[in-house]
Amino acid sequence: MDVYGYYRFIEDNDVVLLYKGPVNEEVLLSILNLAESRLNELNEVSKIKKRVFNILLECIQNTFLHLEPIEIIKGEDYTAILVLARTKEAYKIITGNYLSNENAKSLKESLDELSCLDENSLNLKHQKVLTEEGFSKKGGAGLGLIEMFKKSGGEVFYNFKKINDNYSFYSVQVNIKK
């Protein structure tokens, strides 16, 4: 989703939380605390609120894990975007960040694989990762991505936009039906 896509999205949805800016652990913890407060204010059903929060946490961890320091536009290094919105039917979480084209390629391969799996296959993949596969160079094992697909019922949409020869912008939208 490009910048104009984000604006259209914001116009078409009830935005609960929007953040664009530098990302570090302190900022991410603040975003999580704010999201939890906003979800409590909305008096959402506990089960939905918990699922939204858990997927939001996975998305934020995914953003932090794959975030790479670049300066394509002055002052834009370590920049990410996060949107939490709701409609009558669902909550929508969108995150986006820059990453190297090399990492974009491997992340896209993982997402492509997961997007083809049904619920049973996702559960099997989850078990396999827990028992057989190790952690990547970045410290993840792919469990967060698997959890995003499992908890959203497969409502995960992603995009990679090549920025230049070295970097791409990665965005993901996860829909959580009410």
Protein backbone atom coordinates (compact mmCIF):
# COMPACT_ATOMS: atom_id res chain seq x y z
CA MET A 1 0.00 0.00 0.00
CA ASP A 2 1.44 3.37 -1.00
CA VAL A 3 1.04 6.62 0.92
CA TYR A 4 -2.18 7.46 -0.92
CA GLY A 5 -3.49 4.01 -0.08
CA TYR A 6 -2.94 4.76 3.61
CA TYR A 7 -4.85 8.03 3.31
CA ARG A 8 -7.77 6.30 1.56
CA PHE A 9 -7.69 3.60 4.23
CA ILE A 10 -7.83 6.21 7.00
CA GLU A 11 -10.75 7.98 5.34
CA ASP A 12 -12.69 4.71 4.93
CA ASN A 13 -12.16 3.34 8.45
CA ASP A 14 -12.52 4.34 12.08
CA VAL A 15 -8.87 4.79 13.02
CA VAL A 16 -8.20 3.74 16.59
CA LEU A 17 -4.45 4.37 16.53
CA LEU A 18 -2.03 5.80 13.98
CA TYR A 19 1.73 6.12 14.33
CA LYS A 20 4.40 7.07 11.82
CA GLY A 21 7.88 7.79 12.99
CA PRO A 22 11.06 6.44 14.43
CA VAL A 23 10.90 3.07 16.11
CA ASN A 24 12.72 1.71 19.12
CA GLU A 25 11.73 -0.53 22.00
CA GLU A 26 10.48 2.36 24.13
CA VAL A 27 8.25 3.69 21.34
CA LEU A 28 6.86 0.22 20.65
CA LEU A 29 6.00 -0.31 24.31
CA SER A 30 4.23 3.06 24.36
CA ILE A 31 2.25 2.11 21.24
CA LEU A 32 1.18 -1.17 22.83
CA ASN A 33 0.09 0.59 26.03
CA LEU A 34 -1.85 3.17 24.05
CA ALA A 35 -3.49 0.48 21.89
CA GLU A 36 -4.55 -1.44 24.98
CA SER A 37 -6.06 1.72 26.49
CA ARG A 38 -7.91 2.55 23.25
CA LEU A 39 -9.30 -1.00 22.97
CA ASN A 40 -10.53 -0.77 26.58
CA GLU A 41 -12.22 2.57 25.81
CA LEU A 42 -14.09 0.99 22.90
CA ASN A 43 -15.72 -1.57 25.23
CA GLU A 44 -14.96 -4.35 22.77
CA VAL A 45 -15.81 -7.95 23.63
CA SER A 46 -12.95 -9.39 25.67
CA LYS A 47 -12.26 -12.24 23.24
CA ILE A 48 -11.95 -9.86 20.26
CA LYS A 49 -9.91 -7.35 22.25
CA LYS A 50 -7.45 -10.07 23.27
CA ARG A 51 -7.10 -11.36 19.70
CA VAL A 52 -6.58 -7.84 18.31
CA PHE A 53 -3.99 -7.05 20.96
CA ASN A 54 -2.12 -10.34 20.43
CA ILE A 55 -1.98 -9.86 16.66
CA LEU A 56 -0.96 -6.23 17.13
CA LEU A 57 1.88 -7.40 19.36
CA GLU A 58 2.99 -9.91 16.68
CA CYS A 59 2.84 -7.19 14.01
CA ILE A 60 4.87 -4.77 16.13
CA GLN A 61 7.46 -7.42 16.92
CA ASN A 62 7.62 -8.27 13.21
CA THR A 63 8.16 -4.58 12.38
CA PHE A 64 10.90 -4.24 14.97
CA LEU A 65 12.57 -7.47 13.85
CA HIS A 66 12.64 -6.50 10.17
CA LEU A 67 13.26 -2.77 10.55
CA GLU A 68 16.50 -1.60 9.01
CA PRO A 69 18.17 1.79 9.41
CA ILE A 70 18.16 3.64 6.11
CA GLU A 71 17.91 7.24 5.09
CA ILE A 72 16.08 7.34 1.79
CA ILE A 73 14.54 10.67 2.69
CA LYS A 74 16.32 12.91 5.15
CA GLY A 75 15.13 12.10 8.66
CA GLU A 76 13.32 8.92 7.64
CA ASP A 77 15.75 6.38 9.05
CA TYR A 78 14.20 3.75 11.32
CA THR A 79 10.76 4.98 10.28
CA ALA A 80 7.75 2.72 10.42
CA ILE A 81 4.00 3.11 10.17
CA LEU A 82 1.34 1.46 12.27
CA VAL A 83 -2.42 1.79 11.89
CA LEU A 84 -5.10 0.14 14.00
CA ALA A 85 -8.57 0.71 12.58
CA ARG A 86 -11.99 -0.83 12.82
CA THR A 87 -15.04 -1.30 10.69
CA LYS A 88 -18.38 -2.85 11.59
CA GLU A 89 -17.05 -6.25 10.53
CA ALA A 90 -13.37 -6.27 11.56
CA TYR A 91 -10.34 -4.68 13.08
CA LYS A 92 -7.49 -3.95 10.70
CA ILE A 93 -3.84 -3.68 11.61
CA ILE A 94 -1.40 -2.26 9.10
CA THR A 95 2.31 -1.97 9.65
CA GLY A 96 5.03 -0.91 7.27
CA ASN A 97 8.76 -0.41 7.33
CA TYR A 98 11.85 -0.29 5.15
CA LEU A 99 14.10 -3.32 4.74
CA SER A 100 16.89 -4.46 2.46
CA ASN A 101 15.91 -6.07 -0.82
CA GLU A 102 17.71 -9.23 0.29
CA ASN A 103 15.64 -9.46 3.46
CA ALA A 104 12.50 -8.48 1.53
CA LYS A 105 13.02 -11.46 -0.76
CA SER A 106 13.32 -13.99 2.08
CA LEU A 107 10.42 -12.44 4.03
CA LYS A 108 8.22 -12.52 0.93
CA GLU A 109 9.08 -16.21 0.39
CA SER A 110 8.03 -16.97 3.98
CA LEU A 111 4.79 -15.02 3.64
CA ASP A 112 4.02 -16.63 0.28
CA GLU A 113 4.47 -20.08 1.84
CA LEU A 114 2.26 -19.27 4.83
CA SER A 115 -0.49 -17.70 2.73
CA CYS A 116 -1.02 -21.03 0.95
CA LEU A 117 -1.54 -23.01 4.18
CA ASP A 118 -4.87 -23.87 5.74
CA GLU A 119 -5.45 -23.86 9.52
CA ASN A 120 -4.30 -27.47 10.01
CA SER A 121 -1.15 -26.90 7.95
CA LEU A 122 -0.39 -23.71 9.89
CA ASN A 123 -0.66 -25.69 13.15
CA LEU A 124 1.70 -28.34 11.76
CA LYS A 125 4.14 -25.66 10.58
CA HIS A 126 3.99 -24.06 14.03
CA GLN A 127 4.86 -27.38 15.69
CA LYS A 128 7.66 -28.02 13.20
CA VAL A 129 9.23 -24.63 13.83
CA LEU A 130 9.04 -25.17 17.59
CA THR A 131 10.68 -28.59 17.44
CA GLU A 132 12.99 -28.61 14.42
CA GLU A 133 13.92 -25.17 13.19
CA GLY A 134 16.25 -22.70 14.86
CA PHE A 135 16.33 -18.96 15.07
CA SER A 136 17.31 -16.75 12.15
CA LYS A 137 20.13 -14.21 12.08
CA LYS A 138 17.61 -11.61 13.22
CA GLY A 139 16.55 -13.71 16.21
CA GLY A 140 13.18 -14.88 14.93
CA ALA A 141 11.98 -18.33 13.97
CA GLY A 142 8.95 -17.28 11.93
CA LEU A 143 6.53 -18.01 14.76
CA GLY A 144 5.18 -14.46 14.77
CA LEU A 145 4.23 -14.67 11.11
CA ILE A 146 2.60 -18.06 11.65
CA GLU A 147 0.65 -16.64 14.61
CA MET A 148 -0.55 -13.70 12.52
CA PHE A 149 -1.98 -16.09 9.93
CA LYS A 150 -3.46 -18.46 12.54
CA LYS A 151 -5.11 -15.82 14.75
CA SER A 152 -6.51 -13.85 11.83
CA GLY A 153 -7.91 -16.85 10.00
CA GLY A 154 -5.58 -16.19 7.08
CA GLU A 155 -6.68 -12.58 6.62
CA VAL A 156 -3.12 -11.36 5.99
CA PHE A 157 -2.24 -9.19 3.00
CA TYR A 158 1.26 -7.95 2.26
CA ASN A 159 3.13 -5.86 -0.23
CA PHE A 160 6.75 -5.13 -1.06
CA LYS A 161 7.56 -1.96 -2.98
CA LYS A 162 11.11 -1.66 -4.25
CA ILE A 163 12.44 1.80 -3.36
CA ASN A 164 15.87 1.56 -4.97
CA ASP A 165 18.61 -1.01 -5.67
CA ASN A 166 19.12 -1.62 -1.95
CA TYR A 167 15.81 -1.15 -0.15
CA SER A 168 12.11 -1.94 -0.28
CA PHE A 169 9.13 -0.84 1.75
CA TYR A 170 7.24 -3.75 3.31
CA SER A 171 3.66 -3.42 4.47
CA VAL A 172 1.26 -5.94 5.93
CA GLN A 173 -2.44 -5.72 6.70
CA VAL A 174 -4.03 -8.19 9.08
CA ASN A 175 -7.82 -8.31 9.36
CA ILE A 176 -9.42 -9.64 12.53
CA LYS A 177 -13.11 -10.35 12.04
CA LYS A 178 -15.41 -9.47 14.93
